[in-house]
């Protein structure tokens, strides 16, 4: 099951992020089989990192929570907030005509 994980850094977290980055990368490399995609969030100007976003594929929420508990940025206390939400990929399509099938299903329930 896919989960979106949105982490917002504490306002003064940049130095902590930099000190912890190598260990974070090692952790992500060990767990990359479960990471669909991810990366840093930046300021609107793109000049500093302000958080992290990833989509992970784990069997359930408790497994995601365990993954995050052991994650080096979390252990270091970098994040001001963490949001975990179930996520279902629609675009890009993982199977042919997925969007068209979704539309047909929606129209069957709520015709124009």
PDB file of N, CA and C in Angstrom:
ATOM      1  N   UNK A   1       0.845  -1.161   0.000  1.00  0.00           N
ATOM      2  CA  UNK A   1       0.000   0.000   0.000  1.00  0.00           C
ATOM      3  C   UNK A   1       0.899   1.236   0.000  1.00  0.00           C
ATOM      4  N   UNK A   2       0.574   2.198  -0.824  1.00  0.00           N
ATOM      5  CA  UNK A   2       1.394   3.406  -0.932  1.00  0.00           C
ATOM      6  C   UNK A   2       0.949   4.452   0.080  1.00  0.00           C
ATOM      7  N   UNK A   3       1.936   5.155   0.624  1.00  0.00           N
ATOM      8  CA  UNK A   3       1.696   6.231   1.576  1.00  0.00           C
ATOM      9  C   UNK A   3       2.520   7.443   1.182  1.00  0.00           C
ATOM     10  N   UNK A   4       1.910   8.607   1.230  1.00  0.00           N
ATOM     11  CA  UNK A   4       2.623   9.856   1.067  1.00  0.00           C
ATOM     12  C   UNK A   4       3.119  10.288   2.441  1.00  0.00           C
ATOM     13  N   UNK A   5       4.366  10.698   2.508  1.00  0.00           N
ATOM     14  CA  UNK A   5       4.948  11.190   3.753  1.00  0.00           C
ATOM     15  C   UNK A   5       5.463  12.599   3.474  1.00  0.00           C
ATOM     16  N   UNK A   6       4.922  13.569   4.214  1.00  0.00           N
ATOM     17  CA  UNK A   6       5.297  14.972   4.063  1.00  0.00           C
ATOM     18  C   UNK A   6       5.911  15.441   5.370  1.00  0.00           C
ATOM     19  N   UNK A   7       7.179  15.815   5.331  1.00  0.00           N
ATOM     20  CA  UNK A   7       7.906  16.237   6.527  1.00  0.00           C
ATOM     21  C   UNK A   7       8.334  17.685   6.346  1.00  0.00           C
ATOM     22  N   UNK A   8       8.023  18.512   7.333  1.00  0.00           N
ATOM     23  CA  UNK A   8       8.420  19.912   7.311  1.00  0.00           C
ATOM     24  C   UNK A   8       9.505  20.113   8.367  1.00  0.00           C
ATOM     25  N   UNK A   9      10.630  20.684   7.932  1.00  0.00           N
ATOM     26  CA  UNK A   9      11.744  20.921   8.847  1.00  0.00           C
ATOM     27  C   UNK A   9      11.398  22.008   9.860  1.00  0.00           C
ATOM     28  N   UNK A  10      12.029  21.936  11.016  1.00  0.00           N
ATOM     29  CA  UNK A  10      11.962  23.033  11.974  1.00  0.00           C
ATOM     30  C   UNK A  10      12.619  24.246  11.321  1.00  0.00           C
ATOM     31  N   UNK A  11      12.175  25.461  11.675  1.00  0.00           N
ATOM     32  CA  UNK A  11      12.718  26.661  11.011  1.00  0.00           C
ATOM     33  C   UNK A  11      14.236  26.778  11.082  1.00  0.00           C
ATOM     34  N   UNK A  12      14.856  26.285  12.131  1.00  0.00           N
ATOM     35  CA  UNK A  12      16.308  26.397  12.273  1.00  0.00           C
ATOM     36  C   UNK A  12      17.024  25.081  11.960  1.00  0.00           C
ATOM     37  N   UNK A  13      16.413  24.245  11.113  1.00  0.00           N
ATOM     38  CA  UNK A  13      16.909  22.892  10.921  1.00  0.00           C
ATOM     39  C   UNK A  13      17.972  22.675   9.859  1.00  0.00           C
ATOM     40  N   UNK A  14      18.343  23.701   9.118  1.00  0.00           N
ATOM     41  CA  UNK A  14      19.252  23.486   7.984  1.00  0.00           C
ATOM     42  C   UNK A  14      20.598  22.885   8.398  1.00  0.00           C
ATOM     43  N   UNK A  15      21.198  23.391   9.460  1.00  0.00           N
ATOM     44  CA  UNK A  15      22.491  22.855   9.904  1.00  0.00           C
ATOM     45  C   UNK A  15      22.350  21.397  10.349  1.00  0.00           C
ATOM     46  N   UNK A  16      21.268  21.092  11.052  1.00  0.00           N
ATOM     47  CA  UNK A  16      21.020  19.718  11.481  1.00  0.00           C
ATOM     48  C   UNK A  16      20.817  18.804  10.279  1.00  0.00           C
ATOM     49  N   UNK A  17      20.085  19.274   9.282  1.00  0.00           N
ATOM     50  CA  UNK A  17      19.878  18.495   8.050  1.00  0.00           C
ATOM     51  C   UNK A  17      21.218  18.194   7.395  1.00  0.00           C
ATOM     52  N   UNK A  18      22.063  19.186   7.277  1.00  0.00           N
ATOM     53  CA  UNK A  18      23.370  18.993   6.628  1.00  0.00           C
ATOM     54  C   UNK A  18      24.230  17.995   7.401  1.00  0.00           C
ATOM     55  N   UNK A  19      24.228  18.082   8.733  1.00  0.00           N
ATOM     56  CA  UNK A  19      25.033  17.160   9.553  1.00  0.00           C
ATOM     57  C   UNK A  19      24.523  15.724   9.458  1.00  0.00           C
ATOM     58  N   UNK A  20      23.244  15.550   9.217  1.00  0.00           N
ATOM     59  CA  UNK A  20      22.617  14.229   9.242  1.00  0.00           C
ATOM     60  C   UNK A  20      22.447  13.627   7.852  1.00  0.00           C
ATOM     61  N   UNK A  21      22.721  14.383   6.815  1.00  0.00           N
ATOM     62  CA  UNK A  21      22.398  13.963   5.446  1.00  0.00           C
ATOM     63  C   UNK A  21      23.056  12.655   5.031  1.00  0.00           C
ATOM     64  N   UNK A  22      24.325  12.451   5.320  1.00  0.00           N
ATOM     65  CA  UNK A  22      25.004  11.219   4.890  1.00  0.00           C
ATOM     66  C   UNK A  22      24.347   9.988   5.513  1.00  0.00           C
ATOM     67  N   UNK A  23      24.024  10.055   6.794  1.00  0.00           N
ATOM     68  CA  UNK A  23      23.386   8.920   7.465  1.00  0.00           C
ATOM     69  C   UNK A  23      21.971   8.710   6.909  1.00  0.00           C
ATOM     70  N   UNK A  24      21.281   9.807   6.618  1.00  0.00           N
ATOM     71  CA  UNK A  24      19.959   9.721   5.990  1.00  0.00           C
ATOM     72  C   UNK A  24      20.059   9.007   4.638  1.00  0.00           C
ATOM     73  N   UNK A  25      21.026   9.392   3.824  1.00  0.00           N
ATOM     74  CA  UNK A  25      21.191   8.760   2.509  1.00  0.00           C
ATOM     75  C   UNK A  25      21.507   7.271   2.639  1.00  0.00           C
ATOM     76  N   UNK A  26      22.339   6.903   3.591  1.00  0.00           N
ATOM     77  CA  UNK A  26      22.625   5.476   3.824  1.00  0.00           C
ATOM     78  C   UNK A  26      21.333   4.732   4.170  1.00  0.00           C
ATOM     79  N   UNK A  27      20.524   5.330   5.020  1.00  0.00           N
ATOM     80  CA  UNK A  27      19.250   4.707   5.428  1.00  0.00           C
ATOM     81  C   UNK A  27      18.325   4.540   4.220  1.00  0.00           C
ATOM     82  N   UNK A  28      18.240   5.593   3.406  1.00  0.00           N
ATOM     83  CA  UNK A  28      17.358   5.524   2.236  1.00  0.00           C
ATOM     84  C   UNK A  28      17.867   4.488   1.227  1.00  0.00           C
ATOM     85  N   UNK A  29      19.159   4.355   1.079  1.00  0.00           N
ATOM     86  CA  UNK A  29      19.713   3.339   0.177  1.00  0.00           C
ATOM     87  C   UNK A  29      19.321   1.949   0.667  1.00  0.00           C
ATOM     88  N   UNK A  30      19.398   1.718   1.979  1.00  0.00           N
ATOM     89  CA  UNK A  30      19.004   0.406   2.528  1.00  0.00           C
ATOM     90  C   UNK A  30      17.515   0.131   2.341  1.00  0.00           C
ATOM     91  N   UNK A  31      16.711   1.162   2.227  1.00  0.00           N
ATOM     92  CA  UNK A  31      15.257   0.992   2.137  1.00  0.00           C
ATOM     93  C   UNK A  31      14.685   1.363   0.764  1.00  0.00           C
ATOM     94  N   UNK A  32      15.551   1.538  -0.236  1.00  0.00           N
ATOM     95  CA  UNK A  32      15.061   2.049  -1.518  1.00  0.00           C
ATOM     96  C   UNK A  32      14.081   1.124  -2.223  1.00  0.00           C
ATOM     97  N   UNK A  33      14.056  -0.145  -1.875  1.00  0.00           N
ATOM     98  CA  UNK A  33      13.082  -1.058  -2.487  1.00  0.00           C
ATOM     99  C   UNK A  33      11.652  -0.671  -2.131  1.00  0.00           C
ATOM    100  N   UNK A  34      11.473   0.066  -1.034  1.00  0.00           N
ATOM    101  CA  UNK A  34      10.136   0.452  -0.588  1.00  0.00           C
ATOM    102  C   UNK A  34       9.798   1.900  -0.907  1.00  0.00           C
ATOM    103  N   UNK A  35      10.752   2.632  -1.458  1.00  0.00           N
ATOM    104  CA  UNK A  35      10.524   4.042  -1.773  1.00  0.00           C
ATOM    105  C   UNK A  35      10.144   4.172  -3.245  1.00  0.00           C
ATOM    106  N   UNK A  36       8.928   4.645  -3.496  1.00  0.00           N
ATOM    107  CA  UNK A  36       8.451   4.839  -4.865  1.00  0.00           C
ATOM    108  C   UNK A  36       9.154   6.054  -5.467  1.00  0.00           C
ATOM    109  N   UNK A  37       9.153   7.151  -4.736  1.00  0.00           N
ATOM    110  CA  UNK A  37       9.919   8.334  -5.101  1.00  0.00           C
ATOM    111  C   UNK A  37      10.027   9.234  -3.885  1.00  0.00           C
ATOM    112  N   UNK A  38      10.923  10.184  -3.941  1.00  0.00           N
ATOM    113  CA  UNK A  38      11.072  11.105  -2.830  1.00  0.00           C
ATOM    114  C   UNK A  38      12.153  12.113  -3.096  1.00  0.00           C
ATOM    115  N   UNK A  39      12.211  13.106  -2.219  1.00  0.00           N
ATOM    116  CA  UNK A  39      13.239  14.123  -2.334  1.00  0.00           C
ATOM    117  C   UNK A  39      12.960  15.291  -1.421  1.00  0.00           C
ATOM    118  N   UNK A  40      13.887  16.240  -1.418  1.00  0.00           N
ATOM    119  CA  UNK A  40      13.756  17.392  -0.531  1.00  0.00           C
ATOM    120  C   UNK A  40      12.734  18.400  -1.059  1.00  0.00           C
ATOM    121  N   UNK A  41      12.092  19.089  -0.129  1.00  0.00           N
ATOM    122  CA  UNK A  41      11.257  20.241  -0.455  1.00  0.00           C
ATOM    123  C   UNK A  41      12.146  21.471  -0.325  1.00  0.00           C
ATOM    124  N   UNK A  42      11.963  22.434  -1.206  1.00  0.00           N
ATOM    125  CA  UNK A  42      12.780  23.637  -1.148  1.00  0.00           C
ATOM    126  C   UNK A  42      11.906  24.865  -0.930  1.00  0.00           C
ATOM    127  N   UNK A  43      12.553  25.947  -0.549  1.00  0.00           N
ATOM    128  CA  UNK A  43      11.870  27.232  -0.463  1.00  0.00           C
ATOM    129  C   UNK A  43      11.382  27.603  -1.867  1.00  0.00           C
ATOM    130  N   UNK A  44      10.471  28.555  -1.934  1.00  0.00           N
ATOM    131  CA  UNK A  44       9.956  28.988  -3.239  1.00  0.00           C
ATOM    132  C   UNK A  44      11.076  29.494  -4.153  1.00  0.00           C
ATOM    133  N   UNK A  45      12.108  30.030  -3.569  1.00  0.00           N
ATOM    134  CA  UNK A  45      13.244  30.516  -4.354  1.00  0.00           C
ATOM    135  C   UNK A  45      14.184  29.387  -4.750  1.00  0.00           C
ATOM    136  N   UNK A  46      14.012  28.215  -4.135  1.00  0.00           N
ATOM    137  CA  UNK A  46      14.853  27.063  -4.445  1.00  0.00           C
ATOM    138  C   UNK A  46      16.236  27.124  -3.832  1.00  0.00           C
ATOM    139  N   UNK A  47      16.446  28.049  -2.885  1.00  0.00           N
ATOM    140  CA  UNK A  47      17.789  28.239  -2.348  1.00  0.00           C
ATOM    141  C   UNK A  47      18.053  27.510  -1.035  1.00  0.00           C
ATOM    142  N   UNK A  48      17.020  26.890  -0.439  1.00  0.00           N
ATOM    143  CA  UNK A  48      17.250  26.141   0.801  1.00  0.00           C
ATOM    144  C   UNK A  48      16.233  25.020   0.928  1.00  0.00           C
ATOM    145  N   UNK A  49      16.637  23.988   1.613  1.00  0.00           N
ATOM    146  CA  UNK A  49      15.770  22.840   1.858  1.00  0.00           C
ATOM    147  C   UNK A  49      14.916  23.117   3.086  1.00  0.00           C
ATOM    148  N   UNK A  50      13.615  22.826   2.971  1.00  0.00           N
ATOM    149  CA  UNK A  50      12.676  23.121   4.057  1.00  0.00           C
ATOM    150  C   UNK A  50      11.898  21.884   4.517  1.00  0.00           C
ATOM    151  N   UNK A  51      12.171  20.728   3.912  1.00  0.00           N
ATOM    152  CA  UNK A  51      11.451  19.524   4.295  1.00  0.00           C
ATOM    153  C   UNK A  51      11.743  18.380   3.349  1.00  0.00           C
ATOM    154  N   UNK A  52      10.926  17.342   3.474  1.00  0.00           N
ATOM    155  CA  UNK A  52      11.085  16.144   2.646  1.00  0.00           C
ATOM    156  C   UNK A  52       9.705  15.636   2.235  1.00  0.00           C
ATOM    157  N   UNK A  53       9.648  15.051   1.068  1.00  0.00           N
ATOM    158  CA  UNK A  53       8.433  14.405   0.587  1.00  0.00           C
ATOM    159  C   UNK A  53       8.835  13.066   0.002  1.00  0.00           C
ATOM    160  N   UNK A  54       8.066  12.031   0.336  1.00  0.00           N
ATOM    161  CA  UNK A  54       8.316  10.732  -0.287  1.00  0.00           C
ATOM    162  C   UNK A  54       7.020   9.951  -0.362  1.00  0.00           C
ATOM    163  N   UNK A  55       6.971   9.056  -1.292  1.00  0.00           N
ATOM    164  CA  UNK A  55       5.917   8.059  -1.350  1.00  0.00           C
ATOM    165  C   UNK A  55       6.597   6.718  -1.135  1.00  0.00           C
ATOM    166  N   UNK A  56       6.096   5.995  -0.137  1.00  0.00           N
ATOM    167  CA  UNK A  56       6.664   4.693   0.208  1.00  0.00           C
ATOM    168  C   UNK A  56       5.598   3.629   0.021  1.00  0.00           C
ATOM    169  N   UNK A  57       6.044   2.414  -0.227  1.00  0.00           N
ATOM    170  CA  UNK A  57       5.125   1.297  -0.451  1.00  0.00           C
ATOM    171  C   UNK A  57       5.374   0.246   0.629  1.00  0.00           C
ATOM    172  N   UNK A  58       4.582   0.309   1.690  1.00  0.00           N
ATOM    173  CA  UNK A  58       4.668  -0.617   2.808  1.00  0.00           C
ATOM    174  C   UNK A  58       3.307  -1.284   3.012  1.00  0.00           C
ATOM    175  N   UNK A  59       3.263  -2.416   3.709  1.00  0.00           N
ATOM    176  CA  UNK A  59       1.988  -3.133   3.872  1.00  0.00           C
ATOM    177  C   UNK A  59       0.924  -2.364   4.649  1.00  0.00           C
ATOM    178  N   UNK A  60       1.354  -1.491   5.580  1.00  0.00           N
ATOM    179  CA  UNK A  60       0.366  -0.811   6.420  1.00  0.00           C
ATOM    180  C   UNK A  60       1.002   0.406   7.091  1.00  0.00           C
ATOM    181  N   UNK A  61       0.155   1.219   7.710  1.00  0.00           N
ATOM    182  CA  UNK A  61       0.620   2.445   8.361  1.00  0.00           C
ATOM    183  C   UNK A  61       1.609   2.172   9.503  1.00  0.00           C
ATOM    184  N   UNK A  62       1.381   1.158  10.363  1.00  0.00           N
ATOM    185  CA  UNK A  62       2.368   0.915  11.424  1.00  0.00           C
ATOM    186  C   UNK A  62       3.778   0.650  10.878  1.00  0.00           C
ATOM    187  N   UNK A  63       3.886   0.030   9.719  1.00  0.00           N
ATOM    188  CA  UNK A  63       5.203  -0.214   9.122  1.00  0.00           C
ATOM    189  C   UNK A  63       5.825   1.101   8.647  1.00  0.00           C
ATOM    190  N   UNK A  64       5.000   1.994   8.100  1.00  0.00           N
ATOM    191  CA  UNK A  64       5.490   3.323   7.703  1.00  0.00           C
ATOM    192  C   UNK A  64       5.979   4.075   8.937  1.00  0.00           C
ATOM    193  N   UNK A  65       5.193   4.028   9.994  1.00  0.00           N
ATOM    194  CA  UNK A  65       5.569   4.720  11.228  1.00  0.00           C
ATOM    195  C   UNK A  65       6.882   4.170  11.795  1.00  0.00           C
ATOM    196  N   UNK A  66       7.075   2.863  11.734  1.00  0.00           N
ATOM    197  CA  UNK A  66       8.330   2.257  12.198  1.00  0.00           C
ATOM    198  C   UNK A  66       9.500   2.706  11.317  1.00  0.00           C
ATOM    199  N   UNK A  67       9.284   2.736  10.007  1.00  0.00           N
ATOM    200  CA  UNK A  67      10.303   3.215   9.064  1.00  0.00           C
ATOM    201  C   UNK A  67      10.708   4.644   9.411  1.00  0.00           C
ATOM    202  N   UNK A  68       9.733   5.490   9.683  1.00  0.00           N
ATOM    203  CA  UNK A  68      10.026   6.888   9.999  1.00  0.00           C
ATOM    204  C   UNK A  68      10.682   7.048  11.368  1.00  0.00           C
ATOM    205  N   UNK A  69      10.276   6.236  12.331  1.00  0.00           N
ATOM    206  CA  UNK A  69      10.877   6.315  13.667  1.00  0.00           C
ATOM    207  C   UNK A  69      12.391   6.078  13.612  1.00  0.00           C
ATOM    208  N   UNK A  70      12.817   5.181  12.724  1.00  0.00           N
ATOM    209  CA  UNK A  70      14.238   4.842  12.602  1.00  0.00           C
ATOM    210  C   UNK A  70      14.992   5.735  11.620  1.00  0.00           C
ATOM    211  N   UNK A  71      14.277   6.553  10.883  1.00  0.00           N
ATOM    212  CA  UNK A  71      14.879   7.403   9.860  1.00  0.00           C
ATOM    213  C   UNK A  71      15.767   8.454  10.550  1.00  0.00           C
ATOM    214  N   UNK A  72      16.999   8.656  10.083  1.00  0.00           N
ATOM    215  CA  UNK A  72      17.941   9.535  10.767  1.00  0.00           C
ATOM    216  C   UNK A  72      17.478  10.982  10.967  1.00  0.00           C
ATOM    217  N   UNK A  73      16.808  11.577   9.987  1.00  0.00           N
ATOM    218  CA  UNK A  73      16.316  12.944  10.187  1.00  0.00           C
ATOM    219  C   UNK A  73      15.301  12.982  11.324  1.00  0.00           C
ATOM    220  N   UNK A  74      14.433  11.977  11.385  1.00  0.00           N
ATOM    221  CA  UNK A  74      13.449  11.913  12.466  1.00  0.00           C
ATOM    222  C   UNK A  74      14.153  11.735  13.805  1.00  0.00           C
ATOM    223  N   UNK A  75      15.074  10.787  13.867  1.00  0.00           N
ATOM    224  CA  UNK A  75      15.808  10.535  15.116  1.00  0.00           C
ATOM    225  C   UNK A  75      16.568  11.772  15.586  1.00  0.00           C
ATOM    226  N   UNK A  76      17.045  12.576  14.653  1.00  0.00           N
ATOM    227  CA  UNK A  76      17.804  13.778  15.003  1.00  0.00           C
ATOM    228  C   UNK A  76      16.900  14.924  15.451  1.00  0.00           C
ATOM    229  N   UNK A  77      15.581  14.783  15.248  1.00  0.00           N
ATOM    230  CA  UNK A  77      14.654  15.834  15.652  1.00  0.00           C
ATOM    231  C   UNK A  77      14.528  16.963  14.643  1.00  0.00           C
ATOM    232  N   UNK A  78      14.777  16.675  13.368  1.00  0.00           N
ATOM    233  CA  UNK A  78      14.746  17.702  12.330  1.00  0.00           C
ATOM    234  C   UNK A  78      13.346  18.226  12.031  1.00  0.00           C
ATOM    235  N   UNK A  79      12.343  17.368  12.112  1.00  0.00           N
ATOM    236  CA  UNK A  79      11.029  17.740  11.590  1.00  0.00           C
ATOM    237  C   UNK A  79      10.148  18.440  12.610  1.00  0.00           C
ATOM    238  N   UNK A  80       9.532  19.516  12.136  1.00  0.00           N
ATOM    239  CA  UNK A  80       8.528  20.232  12.910  1.00  0.00           C
ATOM    240  C   UNK A  80       7.200  19.477  12.856  1.00  0.00           C
ATOM    241  N   UNK A  81       6.922  18.888  11.686  1.00  0.00           N
ATOM    242  CA  UNK A  81       5.682  18.117  11.525  1.00  0.00           C
ATOM    243  C   UNK A  81       5.884  17.020  10.492  1.00  0.00           C
ATOM    244  N   UNK A  82       5.103  15.954  10.643  1.00  0.00           N
ATOM    245  CA  UNK A  82       5.117  14.832   9.702  1.00  0.00           C
ATOM    246  C   UNK A  82       3.664  14.439   9.441  1.00  0.00           C
ATOM    247  N   UNK A  83       3.314  14.368   8.179  1.00  0.00           N
ATOM    248  CA  UNK A  83       1.972  13.927   7.768  1.00  0.00           C
ATOM    249  C   UNK A  83       2.134  12.643   6.979  1.00  0.00           C
ATOM    250  N   UNK A  84       1.332  11.647   7.320  1.00  0.00           N
ATOM    251  CA  UNK A  84       1.312  10.372   6.595  1.00  0.00           C
ATOM    252  C   UNK A  84      -0.103  10.187   6.076  1.00  0.00           C
ATOM    253  N   UNK A  85      -0.245   9.928   4.786  1.00  0.00           N
ATOM    254  CA  UNK A  85      -1.552   9.686   4.186  1.00  0.00           C
ATOM    255  C   UNK A  85      -1.461   8.529   3.195  1.00  0.00           C
ATOM    256  N   UNK A  86      -2.496   7.699   3.179  1.00  0.00           N
ATOM    257  CA  UNK A  86      -2.589   6.676   2.125  1.00  0.00           C
ATOM    258  C   UNK A  86      -2.646   7.393   0.789  1.00  0.00           C
ATOM    259  N   UNK A  87      -2.062   6.788  -0.227  1.00  0.00           N
ATOM    260  CA  UNK A  87      -1.977   7.435  -1.529  1.00  0.00           C
ATOM    261  C   UNK A  87      -2.199   6.389  -2.610  1.00  0.00           C
ATOM    262  N   UNK A  88      -2.913   6.791  -3.642  1.00  0.00           N
ATOM    263  CA  UNK A  88      -3.142   5.910  -4.783  1.00  0.00           C
ATOM    264  C   UNK A  88      -2.688   6.626  -6.034  1.00  0.00           C
ATOM    265  N   UNK A  89      -1.764   6.022  -6.738  1.00  0.00           N
ATOM    266  CA  UNK A  89      -1.231   6.629  -7.962  1.00  0.00           C
ATOM    267  C   UNK A  89      -2.260   6.571  -9.072  1.00  0.00           C
ATOM    268  N   UNK A  90      -2.491   7.715  -9.707  1.00  0.00           N
ATOM    269  CA  UNK A  90      -3.375   7.796 -10.867  1.00  0.00           C
ATOM    270  C   UNK A  90      -2.569   8.220 -12.090  1.00  0.00           C
ATOM    271  N   UNK A  91      -1.709   9.228 -11.918  1.00  0.00           N
ATOM    272  CA  UNK A  91      -0.892   9.746 -13.008  1.00  0.00           C
ATOM    273  C   UNK A  91       0.560   9.764 -12.544  1.00  0.00           C
ATOM    274  N   UNK A  92       1.526   9.326 -13.330  1.00  0.00           N
ATOM    275  CA  UNK A  92       1.311   8.659 -14.606  1.00  0.00           C
ATOM    276  C   UNK A  92       0.645   7.304 -14.416  1.00  0.00           C
ATOM    277  N   UNK A  93      -0.055   6.903 -15.431  1.00  0.00           N
ATOM    278  CA  UNK A  93      -0.814   5.656 -15.361  1.00  0.00           C
ATOM    279  C   UNK A  93       0.112   4.458 -15.183  1.00  0.00           C
ATOM    280  N   UNK A  94      -0.238   3.596 -14.256  1.00  0.00           N
ATOM    281  CA  UNK A  94       0.553   2.378 -14.036  1.00  0.00           C
ATOM    282  C   UNK A  94       0.018   1.232 -14.885  1.00  0.00           C
ATOM    283  N   UNK A  95      -1.181   1.406 -15.414  1.00  0.00           N
ATOM    284  CA  UNK A  95      -1.748   0.412 -16.326  1.00  0.00           C
ATOM    285  C   UNK A  95      -2.436   1.160 -17.458  1.00  0.00           C
ATOM    286  N   UNK A  96      -2.449   0.607 -18.658  1.00  0.00           N
ATOM    287  CA  UNK A  96      -3.046   1.293 -19.804  1.00  0.00           C
ATOM    288  C   UNK A  96      -4.520   1.631 -19.556  1.00  0.00           C
ATOM    289  N   UNK A  97      -4.909   2.820 -19.973  1.00  0.00           N
ATOM    290  CA  UNK A  97      -6.298   3.306 -19.908  1.00  0.00           C
ATOM    291  C   UNK A  97      -6.835   3.432 -18.484  1.00  0.00           C
ATOM    292  N   UNK A  98      -5.963   3.573 -17.515  1.00  0.00           N
ATOM    293  CA  UNK A  98      -6.416   3.689 -16.134  1.00  0.00           C
ATOM    294  C   UNK A  98      -7.332   4.894 -15.952  1.00  0.00           C
ATOM    295  N   UNK A  99      -6.929   6.054 -16.483  1.00  0.00           N
ATOM    296  CA  UNK A  99      -7.752   7.255 -16.333  1.00  0.00           C
ATOM    297  C   UNK A  99      -9.099   7.110 -17.026  1.00  0.00           C
ATOM    298  N   UNK A 100      -9.105   6.533 -18.207  1.00  0.00           N
ATOM    299  CA  UNK A 100     -10.366   6.335 -18.923  1.00  0.00           C
ATOM    300  C   UNK A 100     -11.293   5.400 -18.149  1.00  0.00           C
ATOM    301  N   UNK A 101     -10.727   4.348 -17.556  1.00  0.00           N
ATOM    302  CA  UNK A 101     -11.537   3.423 -16.748  1.00  0.00           C
ATOM    303  C   UNK A 101     -12.074   4.108 -15.495  1.00  0.00           C
ATOM    304  N   UNK A 102     -11.264   4.953 -14.875  1.00  0.00           N
ATOM    305  CA  UNK A 102     -11.721   5.714 -13.711  1.00  0.00           C
ATOM    306  C   UNK A 102     -12.866   6.641 -14.097  1.00  0.00           C
ATOM    307  N   UNK A 103     -12.729   7.311 -15.233  1.00  0.00           N
ATOM    308  CA  UNK A 103     -13.786   8.205 -15.708  1.00  0.00           C
ATOM    309  C   UNK A 103     -15.071   7.431 -15.977  1.00  0.00           C
ATOM    310  N   UNK A 104     -14.974   6.288 -16.624  1.00  0.00           N
ATOM    311  CA  UNK A 104     -16.169   5.470 -16.903  1.00  0.00           C
ATOM    312  C   UNK A 104     -16.841   5.041 -15.598  1.00  0.00           C
ATOM    313  N   UNK A 105     -16.047   4.653 -14.612  1.00  0.00           N
ATOM    314  CA  UNK A 105     -16.602   4.273 -13.309  1.00  0.00           C
ATOM    315  C   UNK A 105     -17.306   5.462 -12.648  1.00  0.00           C
ATOM    316  N   UNK A 106     -16.675   6.620 -12.732  1.00  0.00           N
ATOM    317  CA  UNK A 106     -17.253   7.844 -12.134  1.00  0.00           C
ATOM    318  C   UNK A 106     -18.543   8.231 -12.844  1.00  0.00           C
ATOM    319  N   UNK A 107     -18.558   8.162 -14.161  1.00  0.00           N
ATOM    320  CA  UNK A 107     -19.765   8.515 -14.927  1.00  0.00           C
ATOM    321  C   UNK A 107     -20.911   7.541 -14.652  1.00  0.00           C
ATOM    322  N   UNK A 108     -20.584   6.283 -14.376  1.00  0.00           N
ATOM    323  CA  UNK A 108     -21.614   5.298 -14.048  1.00  0.00           C
ATOM    324  C   UNK A 108     -22.288   5.647 -12.718  1.00  0.00           C
ATOM    325  N   UNK A 109     -21.525   6.213 -11.816  1.00  0.00           N
ATOM    326  CA  UNK A 109     -22.054   6.598 -10.506  1.00  0.00           C
ATOM    327  C   UNK A 109     -22.727   7.961 -10.569  1.00  0.00           C
ATOM    328  N   UNK A 110     -22.109   8.900 -11.294  1.00  0.00           N
ATOM    329  CA  UNK A 110     -22.623  10.266 -11.396  1.00  0.00           C
ATOM    330  C   UNK A 110     -22.671  10.693 -12.860  1.00  0.00           C
ATOM    331  N   UNK A 111     -23.734  10.300 -13.560  1.00  0.00           N
ATOM    332  CA  UNK A 111     -23.830  10.661 -14.981  1.00  0.00           C
ATOM    333  C   UNK A 111     -23.900  12.194 -15.162  1.00  0.00           C
ATOM    334  N   UNK A 112     -23.500  12.623 -16.337  1.00  0.00           N
ATOM    335  CA  UNK A 112     -23.532  14.065 -16.662  1.00  0.00           C
ATOM    336  C   UNK A 112     -24.959  14.566 -16.658  1.00  0.00           C
TER     337      UNK A 112
END
